[in-house]
Protein backbone atom coordinates (compact mmCIF):
# COMPACT_ATOMS: atom_id res chain seq x y z
CA MET A 1 -25.32 -37.82 24.50
CA ASN A 2 -27.80 -36.19 26.90
CA VAL A 3 -29.01 -32.61 26.56
CA ARG A 4 -26.81 -31.30 29.37
CA LYS A 5 -23.64 -32.76 27.81
CA LEU A 6 -24.64 -31.39 24.40
CA TRP A 7 -25.13 -27.92 25.89
CA LEU A 8 -21.73 -28.10 27.60
CA LEU A 9 -20.08 -29.11 24.32
CA VAL A 10 -21.64 -26.19 22.45
CA ALA A 11 -20.64 -23.81 25.23
CA ALA A 12 -17.07 -25.09 25.12
CA LEU A 13 -16.92 -24.55 21.37
CA VAL A 14 -18.16 -20.99 21.74
CA MET A 15 -15.72 -20.19 24.55
CA GLY A 16 -12.88 -21.88 22.68
CA GLY A 17 -13.27 -19.78 19.57
CA LEU A 18 -15.60 -18.93 16.73
CA LEU A 19 -17.88 -21.78 15.75
CA ALA A 20 -16.76 -23.55 12.60
CA MET A 21 -20.13 -22.79 11.01
CA GLY A 22 -19.33 -19.06 11.21
CA ALA A 23 -19.85 -16.02 13.39
CA ASP A 24 -23.45 -14.79 13.42
CA LYS A 25 -22.33 -11.37 14.65
CA ILE A 26 -18.95 -9.82 14.08
CA LYS A 27 -17.59 -6.84 15.97
CA ALA A 28 -14.46 -5.78 14.12
CA GLY A 29 -11.96 -3.39 15.64
CA PHE A 30 -9.51 -1.37 13.54
CA ILE A 31 -6.29 0.08 14.95
CA TYR A 32 -4.78 2.96 12.98
CA VAL A 33 -1.29 4.43 13.21
CA GLY A 34 -2.43 7.91 12.15
CA PRO A 35 -5.51 10.12 12.41
CA ILE A 36 -8.45 9.28 10.15
CA GLY A 37 -8.21 12.81 8.77
CA ASP A 38 -4.65 12.34 7.50
CA TYR A 39 -5.94 11.87 3.95
CA GLY A 40 -3.43 9.13 3.29
CA TRP A 41 -2.97 5.57 4.55
CA THR A 42 -5.21 5.79 7.62
CA HIS A 43 -7.90 7.77 5.84
CA ALA A 44 -8.04 5.09 3.13
CA HIS A 45 -8.40 2.29 5.69
CA ASP A 46 -11.19 4.15 7.43
CA VAL A 47 -13.06 4.81 4.19
CA ALA A 48 -12.92 1.06 3.55
CA ARG A 49 -14.09 0.29 7.09
CA ARG A 50 -17.16 2.49 6.62
CA ILE A 51 -17.94 0.92 3.24
CA VAL A 52 -18.05 -2.63 4.60
CA ASP A 53 -19.79 -1.56 7.81
CA GLU A 54 -22.70 -0.19 5.80
CA GLN A 55 -23.11 -3.38 3.77
CA TYR A 56 -23.88 -5.99 6.43
CA ASP A 57 -26.33 -6.00 9.34
CA TRP A 58 -24.27 -8.72 11.04
CA LEU A 59 -21.24 -6.44 11.19
CA GLU A 60 -20.35 -3.74 13.72
CA THR A 61 -17.05 -1.86 13.46
CA VAL A 62 -15.10 0.38 15.84
CA TYR A 63 -11.70 2.03 15.49
CA ILE A 64 -8.88 3.64 17.45
CA GLU A 65 -6.74 6.21 15.68
CA SER A 66 -3.24 7.65 16.19
CA VAL A 67 -1.86 4.62 18.03
CA PRO A 68 1.94 4.64 18.61
CA GLU A 69 3.41 1.50 17.08
CA GLY A 70 5.06 0.37 20.31
CA GLU A 71 1.79 0.58 22.26
CA VAL A 72 -0.49 -1.48 20.02
CA GLU A 73 -1.00 -4.28 22.57
CA THR A 74 -2.56 -1.87 25.05
CA TYR A 75 -5.16 -0.88 22.48
CA ILE A 76 -5.76 -4.47 21.39
CA ASP A 77 -6.56 -5.23 25.04
CA GLN A 78 -9.05 -2.37 24.98
CA LEU A 79 -10.80 -3.70 21.87
CA VAL A 80 -11.00 -7.21 23.29
CA ARG A 81 -12.63 -5.82 26.44
CA GLN A 82 -15.14 -4.08 24.17
CA GLY A 83 -16.10 -7.45 22.69
CA CYS A 84 -14.28 -7.36 19.35
CA ASN A 85 -13.91 -10.84 17.89
CA VAL A 86 -11.98 -9.64 14.81
CA ILE A 87 -9.17 -7.08 15.03
CA PHE A 88 -7.31 -5.43 12.14
CA THR A 89 -4.00 -3.71 12.87
CA THR A 90 -2.99 -1.44 10.03
CA SER A 91 0.68 -0.54 10.26
CA PHE A 92 3.88 -2.49 9.63
CA GLY A 93 5.19 -1.44 13.05
CA PHE A 94 2.25 -3.18 14.76
CA ILE A 95 3.57 -6.57 13.65
CA ASP A 96 5.21 -7.82 16.86
CA GLY A 97 2.52 -6.50 19.18
CA THR A 98 -0.21 -8.06 17.06
CA PHE A 99 1.57 -11.41 16.95
CA ALA A 100 2.02 -11.36 20.74
CA ALA A 101 -1.63 -10.48 21.28
CA ALA A 102 -2.70 -13.32 18.98
CA GLN A 103 -0.96 -15.73 21.35
CA ARG A 104 -2.71 -14.18 24.38
CA TYR A 105 -6.15 -14.10 22.75
CA PRO A 106 -6.48 -17.38 20.81
CA ASN A 107 -10.27 -16.90 20.55
CA VAL A 108 -9.92 -13.64 18.62
CA ILE A 109 -9.20 -13.41 14.90
CA PHE A 110 -6.44 -10.96 13.94
CA ALA A 111 -5.33 -9.61 10.57
CA HIS A 112 -2.23 -7.44 10.18
CA ALA A 113 -1.62 -5.15 7.21
CA SER A 114 1.74 -5.23 5.40
CA GLY A 115 3.42 -7.77 7.68
CA PHE A 116 4.59 -11.35 7.36
CA LYS A 117 3.99 -12.99 10.76
CA ARG A 118 1.00 -15.32 10.92
CA ALA A 119 -0.59 -17.73 13.41
CA PRO A 120 -3.67 -20.01 13.48
CA ASN A 121 -5.74 -16.94 14.46
CA MET A 122 -3.68 -14.27 12.64
CA ALA A 123 -3.69 -13.55 8.91
CA THR A 124 -1.82 -10.92 6.91
CA TYR A 125 -2.97 -8.71 4.05
CA MET A 126 -1.67 -6.06 1.70
CA ALA A 127 -3.06 -3.99 -1.16
CA ASP A 128 0.27 -3.16 -2.75
CA PHE A 129 1.20 -0.30 -5.03
CA TYR A 130 4.48 -1.26 -6.65
CA GLN A 131 2.79 -1.78 -10.04
CA VAL A 132 1.09 1.62 -9.85
CA TYR A 133 4.27 3.34 -8.70
CA TYR A 134 5.96 1.97 -11.81
CA LEU A 135 3.21 3.50 -13.97
CA ASN A 136 3.60 6.81 -12.14
CA GLY A 137 7.33 6.57 -12.78
CA LEU A 138 6.77 6.31 -16.53
CA MET A 139 4.85 9.59 -16.41
CA ALA A 140 7.31 11.30 -14.06
CA GLY A 141 10.21 10.41 -16.35
CA ALA A 142 8.43 12.04 -19.27
CA LEU A 143 7.49 15.21 -17.37
CA THR A 144 10.74 16.15 -15.66
CA LYS A 145 12.70 18.96 -17.28
CA THR A 146 15.67 18.86 -14.91
CA GLY A 147 16.08 15.09 -14.86
CA LYS A 148 15.66 15.14 -11.08
CA ILE A 149 12.52 13.74 -9.46
CA GLY A 150 11.94 14.12 -5.73
CA TYR A 151 10.59 11.45 -3.39
CA VAL A 152 9.66 12.15 0.23
CA GLY A 153 9.74 8.83 2.09
CA ALA A 154 8.39 7.98 5.53
CA PHE A 155 10.48 5.03 6.77
CA PRO A 156 13.12 2.97 4.90
CA ILE A 157 11.25 -0.34 5.18
CA PRO A 158 11.02 -2.96 2.40
CA GLU A 159 7.56 -1.74 1.33
CA LEU A 160 8.81 1.76 0.53
CA LYS A 161 12.04 0.50 -0.98
CA ARG A 162 9.98 -1.70 -3.30
CA HIS A 163 7.76 1.22 -4.28
CA ILE A 164 10.57 3.70 -4.84
CA SER A 165 12.58 1.22 -6.91
CA ALA A 166 9.55 0.33 -9.05
CA PHE A 167 8.91 4.06 -9.53
CA THR A 168 12.54 4.58 -10.54
CA ILE A 169 12.46 1.66 -12.98
CA GLY A 170 9.49 3.36 -14.65
CA VAL A 171 11.31 6.70 -14.75
CA ARG A 172 14.40 5.14 -16.33
CA GLU A 173 12.39 3.17 -18.89
CA VAL A 174 11.42 6.44 -20.61
CA ASN A 175 14.24 8.73 -19.44
CA PRO A 176 17.42 6.67 -18.95
CA THR A 177 19.50 9.42 -17.31
CA ALA A 178 16.87 10.77 -14.89
CA GLU A 179 17.35 10.37 -11.13
CA VAL A 180 15.00 9.91 -8.20
CA HIS A 181 16.24 11.85 -5.16
CA VAL A 182 14.99 10.46 -1.84
CA ARG A 183 14.62 12.15 1.54
CA TRP A 184 13.41 10.20 4.58
CA ILE A 185 11.41 11.94 7.31
CA TYR A 186 10.97 8.95 9.68
CA GLU A 187 7.30 9.75 10.25
CA TRP A 188 4.12 8.38 8.68
CA TYR A 189 2.26 11.61 9.30
CA ASN A 190 4.17 14.85 9.76
CA PRO A 191 3.15 17.67 7.42
CA ALA A 192 5.86 19.99 8.74
CA ALA A 193 8.62 17.46 8.03
CA ALA A 194 7.11 16.68 4.61
CA LYS A 195 7.10 20.39 3.77
CA GLU A 196 10.73 20.79 4.80
CA ALA A 197 11.81 17.73 2.79
CA THR A 198 9.94 18.89 -0.31
CA GLU A 199 11.49 22.33 -0.14
CA ALA A 200 14.95 20.78 0.23
CA LEU A 201 14.36 18.61 -2.84
CA ILE A 202 13.17 21.63 -4.82
CA ALA A 203 16.40 23.39 -3.83
CA GLU A 204 18.31 20.41 -5.27
CA GLY A 205 16.58 20.94 -8.63
CA CYS A 206 13.77 18.36 -8.42
CA ASP A 207 10.75 19.35 -10.48
CA VAL A 208 8.37 16.35 -10.17
CA PHE A 209 7.35 14.70 -6.90
CA ALA A 210 6.08 11.47 -5.38
CA PHE A 211 5.90 10.59 -1.70
CA THR A 212 4.87 8.37 1.18
CA GLU A 213 3.55 10.66 3.95
CA ASP A 214 -0.06 10.65 4.93
CA SER A 215 -1.08 14.18 4.04
CA PRO A 216 -1.33 16.20 0.80
CA THR A 217 1.55 18.44 1.95
CA VAL A 218 4.03 17.41 -0.75
CA ILE A 219 1.44 18.07 -3.43
CA GLN A 220 0.58 21.48 -2.00
CA VAL A 221 4.19 22.62 -1.60
CA ALA A 222 5.06 21.46 -5.12
CA ALA A 223 1.98 23.18 -6.55
CA GLU A 224 2.99 26.48 -4.96
CA ARG A 225 6.10 26.31 -7.18
CA GLY A 226 4.15 25.17 -10.24
CA LEU A 227 5.55 21.62 -10.05
CA ALA A 228 3.84 18.33 -10.89
CA SER A 229 3.25 15.54 -8.39
CA PHE A 230 1.55 12.19 -7.85
CA ALA A 231 -1.13 11.50 -5.23
CA HIS A 232 -0.58 8.95 -2.50
CA TYR A 233 -3.25 6.49 -1.25
CA SER A 234 -6.24 8.83 -1.33
CA PRO A 235 -7.62 10.96 -4.19
CA MET A 236 -5.70 14.24 -4.00
CA TYR A 237 -6.65 15.89 -7.28
CA ALA A 238 -8.77 18.47 -5.44
CA PHE A 239 -5.73 19.79 -3.55
CA ALA A 240 -3.92 20.87 -6.74
CA PRO A 241 -6.05 20.30 -9.87
CA ASP A 242 -3.44 21.82 -12.15
CA TYR A 243 -0.51 19.81 -10.81
CA VAL A 244 -1.63 16.34 -9.67
CA VAL A 245 -0.76 14.12 -12.65
CA SER A 246 -1.98 10.77 -11.35
CA GLY A 247 -1.32 8.67 -8.26
CA GLN A 248 -1.85 5.45 -6.39
CA LEU A 249 -5.35 4.82 -5.07
CA VAL A 250 -6.26 1.97 -2.76
CA HIS A 251 -9.42 -0.09 -2.31
CA TRP A 252 -8.93 -1.77 1.05
CA GLU A 253 -12.66 -2.47 1.10
CA VAL A 254 -12.26 -5.35 -1.39
CA ILE A 255 -9.97 -7.12 1.09
CA TYR A 256 -12.02 -6.28 4.19
CA ASP A 257 -15.20 -7.41 2.48
CA ASP A 258 -13.70 -10.73 1.37
CA PHE A 259 -12.11 -11.42 4.76
CA LEU A 260 -15.11 -10.55 6.93
CA VAL A 261 -17.60 -12.45 4.78
CA LYS A 262 -15.40 -15.53 5.04
CA VAL A 263 -15.26 -15.17 8.82
CA HIS A 264 -19.05 -14.78 8.90
CA GLU A 265 -19.51 -17.89 6.75
CA GLY A 266 -17.04 -19.95 8.76
CA VAL A 267 -14.46 -20.26 5.99
CA TYR A 268 -11.96 -18.43 8.19
CA THR A 269 -11.79 -19.32 11.89
CA ASN A 270 -9.34 -18.80 14.72
CA LYS A 271 -7.79 -22.15 13.81
CA ASN A 272 -6.89 -21.92 10.11
CA LEU A 273 -5.27 -18.55 9.28
CA THR A 274 -1.60 -19.55 9.34
CA HIS A 275 -1.41 -19.55 5.54
CA VAL A 276 -3.92 -16.77 4.82
CA ASP A 277 -1.98 -13.92 3.22
CA TYR A 278 -3.68 -11.45 0.87
CA TRP A 279 -1.35 -9.92 -1.71
CA TRP A 280 -3.81 -8.05 -3.89
CA LEU A 281 -2.74 -5.78 -6.72
CA LEU A 282 -4.22 -4.25 -9.88
CA ALA A 283 -5.61 -7.57 -11.07
CA GLN A 284 -7.65 -7.97 -7.87
CA LYS A 285 -8.79 -4.31 -8.05
CA ALA A 286 -7.20 -3.52 -4.69
CA ALA A 287 -5.17 -0.75 -6.35
CA GLU A 288 -6.12 1.87 -8.90
CA LEU A 289 -4.14 4.27 -11.05
CA GLY A 290 -5.42 7.80 -10.69
CA ALA A 291 -5.41 11.38 -9.49
CA GLU A 292 -8.89 10.61 -8.22
CA ILE A 293 -11.32 7.71 -8.57
CA GLY A 294 -12.08 7.17 -12.27
CA MET A 295 -9.37 9.61 -13.48
CA PRO A 296 -6.25 7.58 -14.36
CA VAL A 297 -4.49 10.66 -15.71
CA ASN A 298 -5.30 14.32 -15.14
CA PRO A 299 -6.66 15.56 -18.52
CA GLN A 300 -4.22 18.49 -18.40
CA TYR A 301 -1.31 16.04 -18.72
CA VAL A 302 -2.66 13.86 -21.50
CA ALA A 303 -1.23 15.99 -24.32
CA PRO A 304 2.28 16.33 -22.81
CA LEU A 305 2.42 12.56 -22.24
CA GLN A 306 1.15 11.87 -25.75
CA GLY A 307 3.79 14.22 -27.10
CA TYR A 308 6.66 12.44 -25.35
CA VAL A 309 7.54 9.64 -27.77
CA ILE A 310 10.29 7.10 -27.20
CA ASP A 311 11.90 4.21 -29.07
CA HIS A 312 10.90 1.32 -26.85
CA PRO A 313 12.79 -2.02 -27.12
CA THR A 314 9.50 -3.96 -27.05
CA PHE A 315 6.91 -1.65 -28.61
CA GLY A 316 8.97 0.49 -30.98
CA ARG A 317 7.91 4.13 -31.38
CA ILE A 318 5.32 4.79 -28.69
CA SER A 319 4.12 7.73 -26.63
CA VAL A 320 4.50 7.52 -22.87
CA TYR A 321 0.75 7.99 -22.55
CA ASP A 322 0.12 4.88 -24.65
CA LEU A 323 2.90 2.99 -22.89
CA VAL A 324 1.26 3.63 -19.51
CA PHE A 325 -1.95 1.97 -20.63
CA VAL A 326 -0.24 -0.90 -22.43
CA ARG A 327 1.63 -1.70 -19.23
CA TYR A 328 -1.48 -1.12 -17.12
CA ASN A 329 -3.42 -3.66 -19.18
CA GLN A 330 -0.60 -6.18 -18.95
CA MET A 331 -0.65 -5.97 -15.13
CA ALA A 332 -4.39 -5.55 -14.55
CA ASP A 333 -5.29 -8.61 -16.60
CA PRO A 334 -5.68 -11.65 -14.30
CA GLY A 335 -3.07 -13.40 -16.43
CA ILE A 336 -0.45 -10.67 -15.72
CA THR A 337 2.03 -10.66 -18.60
CA PHE A 338 4.41 -8.00 -17.26
CA ASP A 339 6.07 -7.06 -13.98
CA PRO A 340 8.12 -3.91 -13.24
CA PHE A 341 10.89 -6.06 -11.78
CA GLU A 342 11.20 -8.23 -14.88
CA GLY A 343 14.90 -8.91 -15.45
CA PRO A 344 17.48 -7.93 -16.22
CA VAL A 345 17.35 -5.50 -13.28
CA TYR A 346 20.43 -3.96 -11.66
CA ASP A 347 20.73 -2.25 -8.32
CA ARG A 348 22.42 1.11 -8.04
CA LYS A 349 25.76 -0.55 -7.21
CA GLY A 350 25.73 -2.35 -10.54
CA ASN A 351 24.78 -5.76 -9.21
CA LEU A 352 22.43 -7.93 -11.27
CA VAL A 353 19.54 -8.56 -8.86
CA VAL A 354 16.98 -10.01 -11.29
CA PRO A 355 18.35 -12.09 -14.19
CA ALA A 356 16.99 -11.70 -17.72
CA GLY A 357 13.66 -13.41 -18.23
CA MET A 358 12.98 -13.72 -14.49
CA TRP A 359 10.53 -11.96 -12.15
CA MET A 360 11.06 -11.27 -8.48
CA SER A 361 9.32 -13.72 -6.17
CA TYR A 362 6.80 -12.58 -3.59
CA ASP A 363 9.27 -13.34 -0.78
CA HIS A 364 11.92 -11.19 -2.42
CA LEU A 365 9.48 -8.35 -3.00
CA ILE A 366 8.35 -8.16 0.62
CA THR A 367 11.91 -8.31 1.99
CA MET A 368 13.52 -6.01 -0.58
CA GLU A 369 16.39 -3.84 0.67
CA TRP A 370 18.36 -2.80 -2.43
CA ALA A 371 17.87 0.39 -4.43
CA ALA A 372 17.28 0.38 -8.17
CA ASP A 373 19.72 2.07 -10.49
CA GLY A 374 18.82 5.76 -10.59
CA VAL A 375 17.93 6.19 -6.90
CA VAL A 376 19.96 8.94 -5.21
CA GLY A 377 20.20 9.52 -1.47
CA PRO A 378 20.58 7.59 1.80
CA TRP A 379 19.29 4.01 1.85
CA PRO A 380 19.55 2.47 5.35
CA GLY A 381 19.95 -1.31 5.24
CA GLU A 382 21.30 -1.31 1.69
CA PRO A 383 23.21 -4.56 0.97
């Protein structure tokens, strides 16, 4: 092969996609559904973006915030024009637009958070919280005095249904008659709607709170009434030090680091991502239990949780505080010897949805529509 033909071959490989040997320089674009100052989901993604950006001189990152889910393709076009060769889209509602863009831009690598559609140049990824929500539920069940726990939910999608049901299973494990009352606000970020929903749940008698809305509003409203709550996605202890019990903390950076390094090294290309799907949990250190980093339980709540002792079918007499850490260790160990959806599990209509001795499969977890026994309130799409 002469030099000219060799040069043309190399040029064709470059134009046709990332070289198999890897991408010397990566410009990664991130598309966010909310503002980076939301202090929830989007804030956590952006913290992770900045962490990985600072680690590698071959990496440049850019982002676009507050993108309406139905307009994601317009913003993908913008990032491609800016020279991005890797694009992360970070909301479930971006799924169809991302998949369509992957067909239009076969030379670009895409990764979509929380979805299930993949292509040769499109992977999926999720740092999921259902295990941590279960642990939070154990604590919430011990702390409620009224037997009513409030949950402010964004959208009734399988992700939230999975989280709320895992939370409720935890609640019922230590307080069999307690209920989790759910109100949907149909917004990812809307502090006013979150405030209204929290106040309505308080009026119903709820005295402990969890939520999926990307601001600390629920925590702040609950704290004004002297009520306990659990942080969501970002460390929220500072917003109510006397009332934030624990929470779910995310480490998206472990996924972004792994993915981008593999693109850089040529392990991932625009030809081989059809079966690349990150599902990283406690064992992979993508999730953390805590009111803030390094604080699994607010010290003010240690004594009350130690003082709440139950007769557990597996562990006998045990405090909820100790139970939380026994279960945490079972799930955080790479071997994973426990799952919140370990059967028998019944939905709130009395149907056996997980037989005794069985665990839910990944496919069932990510498509979950039913509500666990103990959930109260509307549940669109319920079987």
